[in-house]
Each structure stands twice: as structure tokens, then as C-alpha cells.
Protein backbone atom coordinates (compact mmCIF):
# COMPACT_ATOMS: atom_id res chain seq x y z
CA MET A 1 247.72 162.83 -50.68
CA GLN A 2 247.34 163.00 -54.37
CA SER A 3 246.64 166.39 -56.03
CA LYS A 4 243.26 166.74 -58.08
CA LYS A 5 245.37 167.00 -61.33
CA ALA A 6 247.24 163.69 -60.66
CA ALA A 7 243.99 161.99 -59.65
CA ALA A 8 242.23 163.22 -62.82
CA LYS A 9 244.82 162.09 -65.08
CA PRO A 10 243.66 159.41 -67.61
CA SER A 11 245.25 155.98 -67.34
CA GLN A 12 245.57 155.99 -71.04
CA ARG A 13 247.45 158.54 -72.89
CA ILE A 14 245.50 160.36 -75.58
CA ILE A 15 246.99 161.53 -78.85
CA LYS A 16 244.84 163.59 -81.22
CA LYS A 17 245.52 163.46 -84.88
CA TYR A 18 244.54 166.57 -86.75
CA PRO A 19 243.60 166.91 -90.43
CA ASN A 20 247.11 168.23 -91.19
CA ARG A 21 248.27 164.81 -90.16
CA ARG A 22 249.96 166.25 -87.09
CA LEU A 23 249.75 164.32 -83.79
CA TYR A 24 249.19 166.09 -80.53
CA ASP A 25 249.98 164.36 -77.19
CA THR A 26 247.36 165.67 -74.73
CA ASP A 27 249.53 164.31 -71.83
CA THR A 28 252.55 166.52 -72.55
CA SER A 29 250.58 169.19 -74.49
CA THR A 30 252.95 168.99 -77.45
CA TYR A 31 253.11 167.86 -80.90
CA ILE A 32 254.83 164.59 -81.53
CA THR A 33 256.26 162.66 -84.41
CA LEU A 34 255.60 159.16 -85.58
CA ALA A 35 258.96 158.18 -84.12
CA GLU A 36 257.87 159.47 -80.65
CA VAL A 37 254.63 157.30 -80.97
CA ARG A 38 256.98 154.39 -81.85
CA GLN A 39 258.96 155.15 -78.53
CA LEU A 40 255.72 154.97 -76.72
CA VAL A 41 255.03 151.57 -77.93
CA MET A 42 258.63 150.46 -77.21
CA ASP A 43 258.20 151.83 -73.57
CA SER A 44 254.90 149.84 -73.34
CA GLU A 45 253.00 153.13 -72.76
CA SER A 46 249.26 152.78 -72.88
CA PHE A 47 247.89 155.28 -75.37
CA VAL A 48 244.97 155.81 -77.91
CA VAL A 49 245.15 157.97 -81.12
CA ARG A 50 241.85 159.76 -81.78
CA ASP A 51 240.80 161.82 -84.71
CA ALA A 52 240.61 165.39 -83.53
CA LYS A 53 237.27 166.14 -85.30
CA THR A 54 235.44 162.94 -85.18
CA ASN A 55 236.98 161.25 -82.14
CA ASP A 56 237.29 157.95 -84.12
CA ASP A 57 239.91 155.66 -82.83
CA LEU A 58 242.86 155.66 -85.25
CA THR A 59 245.30 153.81 -83.00
CA ARG A 60 245.50 150.58 -85.51
CA SER A 61 245.97 152.91 -88.31
CA ILE A 62 248.95 154.65 -86.69
CA LEU A 63 250.45 151.37 -85.53
CA LEU A 64 250.22 149.94 -89.04
CA GLN A 65 251.87 153.11 -90.32
CA ILE A 66 254.77 152.60 -88.05
CA ILE A 67 255.09 149.05 -89.11
CA LEU A 68 255.15 150.11 -92.76
CA GLU A 69 257.93 152.41 -92.01
CA GLU A 70 259.98 150.01 -90.14
CA GLU A 71 259.52 147.53 -93.04
CA ALA A 72 260.45 150.13 -95.59
CA GLY A 73 263.66 151.19 -93.92
CA GLY A 74 266.56 148.91 -92.95
CA ALA A 75 265.88 145.14 -92.45
CA PRO A 76 262.25 143.99 -93.02
CA MET A 77 260.88 141.48 -90.56
CA PHE A 78 258.31 140.19 -93.07
CA THR A 79 259.13 138.53 -96.48
CA GLU A 80 256.91 139.02 -99.49
CA ALA A 81 255.70 135.38 -99.03
CA VAL A 82 254.56 136.07 -95.35
CA LEU A 83 252.84 139.37 -96.24
CA SER A 84 251.08 137.51 -99.22
CA SER A 85 249.87 134.76 -96.85
CA ILE A 86 248.60 137.26 -94.31
CA ILE A 87 246.57 139.14 -97.05
CA ARG A 88 245.16 135.84 -98.29
CA PHE A 89 243.70 135.26 -94.76
CA TYR A 90 241.55 138.36 -94.99
CA GLY A 91 238.00 137.38 -95.83
CA HIS A 92 238.83 133.66 -95.37
CA ALA A 93 236.98 131.53 -92.74
CA MET A 94 240.16 131.25 -90.70
CA GLN A 95 240.78 135.02 -90.51
CA GLY A 96 239.64 135.30 -86.83
CA PHE A 97 241.66 132.28 -85.87
CA MET A 98 244.78 133.37 -87.52
CA GLY A 99 244.75 136.79 -85.86
CA SER A 100 244.40 135.04 -82.40
CA TYR A 101 247.13 132.48 -83.31
CA ILE A 102 249.54 135.28 -84.37
CA GLU A 103 248.87 137.19 -81.37
CA LYS A 104 249.43 134.24 -78.87
CA ASN A 105 252.53 133.25 -80.73
CA ILE A 106 254.03 136.83 -80.45
CA GLN A 107 252.98 136.95 -76.81
CA ALA A 108 254.79 133.56 -76.13
CA PHE A 109 257.92 134.72 -78.17
CA SER A 110 257.94 137.86 -76.13
CA GLU A 111 257.71 136.05 -72.82
CA MET A 112 260.58 133.73 -73.95
CA GLN A 113 262.65 136.77 -74.94
CA THR A 114 261.93 138.35 -71.47
CA GLN A 115 263.20 135.12 -69.88
CA LEU A 116 266.40 135.12 -71.85
CA GLN A 117 267.02 138.79 -71.14
CA ALA A 118 266.44 138.21 -67.30
CA GLN A 119 268.83 135.37 -67.43
CA SER A 120 271.56 137.25 -69.42
CA LYS A 121 271.82 140.45 -67.30
CA SER A 122 274.99 139.22 -65.56
CA VAL A 123 276.49 138.08 -68.94
CA SER A 124 279.33 140.04 -70.57
CA PRO A 125 279.03 140.74 -74.21
CA GLU A 126 281.87 138.15 -74.88
CA MET A 127 279.99 135.49 -72.98
CA TRP A 128 276.70 136.48 -74.78
CA ALA A 129 278.44 136.04 -78.08
CA GLN A 130 279.80 132.72 -77.15
CA PHE A 131 276.50 131.62 -75.74
CA MET A 132 274.78 132.42 -78.98
CA SER A 133 277.25 130.91 -81.15
CA MET A 134 276.79 127.45 -79.72
CA GLN A 135 273.53 125.44 -79.53
CA SER A 136 273.06 125.68 -75.86
CA PRO A 137 270.77 123.48 -73.95
CA VAL A 138 269.08 126.60 -72.36
CA LEU A 139 268.36 128.14 -75.78
CA GLN A 140 267.19 124.72 -77.23
CA SER A 141 264.94 124.32 -74.16
CA MET A 142 263.40 127.68 -74.36
CA MET A 143 262.84 127.33 -78.23
CA GLY A 144 261.44 123.88 -77.49
CA GLY A 145 259.02 125.47 -75.00
CA TYR A 146 257.97 128.02 -77.56
CA THR A 147 257.66 125.57 -80.29
CA GLU A 148 255.56 123.33 -78.02
CA GLN A 149 253.28 126.17 -77.14
CA SER A 150 252.87 127.10 -80.81
CA LYS A 151 251.96 123.48 -81.57
CA SER A 152 249.45 123.51 -78.75
CA LEU A 153 247.86 126.79 -79.90
CA LEU A 154 247.49 125.24 -83.51
CA SER A 155 245.86 122.12 -82.12
CA GLN A 156 243.39 124.10 -80.05
CA MET A 157 242.57 126.21 -83.15
CA GLN A 158 241.96 123.00 -85.13
CA GLU A 159 239.71 121.59 -82.39
CA GLN A 160 237.76 124.77 -82.23
CA MET A 161 237.32 124.66 -86.13
CA GLN A 162 236.27 121.03 -86.08
CA LYS A 163 233.69 121.77 -83.23
CA GLN A 164 232.27 124.79 -85.11
CA THR A 165 232.05 122.75 -88.38
CA GLU A 166 230.10 120.12 -86.55
CA GLN A 167 227.76 122.58 -84.92
CA MET A 168 227.15 124.16 -88.46
CA LEU A 169 226.57 120.83 -90.09
CA GLY A 170 224.20 119.92 -87.25
CA ALA A 171 222.27 122.98 -87.63
CA PHE A 172 221.70 122.06 -91.28
CA GLY A 173 220.53 118.53 -90.36
CA LEU A 174 223.85 117.06 -91.59
CA LYS A 175 225.96 114.63 -89.58
CA ARG A 176 229.53 113.58 -90.26
């Protein structure tokens, strides 16, 4: 039988952000750092960051701040060209499609990574290095699957755009 406290515990961790920029984890009743929020992300913990005064959702802002810090220190993931391209999509007709496309590609890549990790649990570091140094059929197969899934997503996105364009033209009495 569960205690009342355990039953009342929210499924999503709540972190409050105060005007002094401090983050308060209501689950542990302690102040936490941005690095600790990053660790929650790494641990796949479900959380939301709320403004302590207004209760506005600040989660995206905090996640972007973590990405900014990661990009500034060490080896950045995004080149200037990629960042410029992403910026150009804001306000563009393709903005909604692009976000979905990137999200689905990252999800597919993560699934591929999980499969690779599951298959490599019994592999020694030396075997792993040898595996990664050669173009193994398994790696090619997994990357090929990811590439095919990415192509499929792009094709679906193009079809969706074409249908929406035709509907819009039809609404104005124009046919292709």
C-alpha cells in the first residue's frame, strides 16, 4: 500500500525559477544548477521549469540555455552554416515542417543509437575500436535504415506541402 505522500507526488518534476535566476527543485526541496538540470535531461527525467512569480512555462528557455552552454564549451555540435539555416527557417512557410522533420530525425537517430548500444554491451573496448574502424555491414545497415527513414520523412513532408498548396490554390479558385 502506498503512502499518501507517494500517491500525491506529481509525475512530472517541477523546477521553479526565481528572479535571482536560481532554480529550485520542488521534488528534492533544494536549489539546483543548470548542470543538474542537464543531468535530469540526460537521465530522461520528466520535468517542467516554471517562473516562480507568474507560473509561466520556461522549460524551452532553460533547454536552449543548456544547448548554448554546451555549444560554447568544448566541441560544438552545430556549425555556423547549420545555425544560419535554422534561423532562416523562422518565419518561413516551412518552419512547422522543419521542426517536425528535425524532431523525427533525431528520434530515428536516437533509436539507431540505442540499438547499437544494445548490440555492443558484450563487446570489449578493443573489439569496439576495431568495429568502428572498419565499414561493418551492421553499421552500414543501421545507417542505411536511418537514411531511408530520413528520406521517407522528407518525402512525406513534400507530399503534405503539395496537398496544402493544392488546397490553398483551390480555395482561391485556381487549379494547377
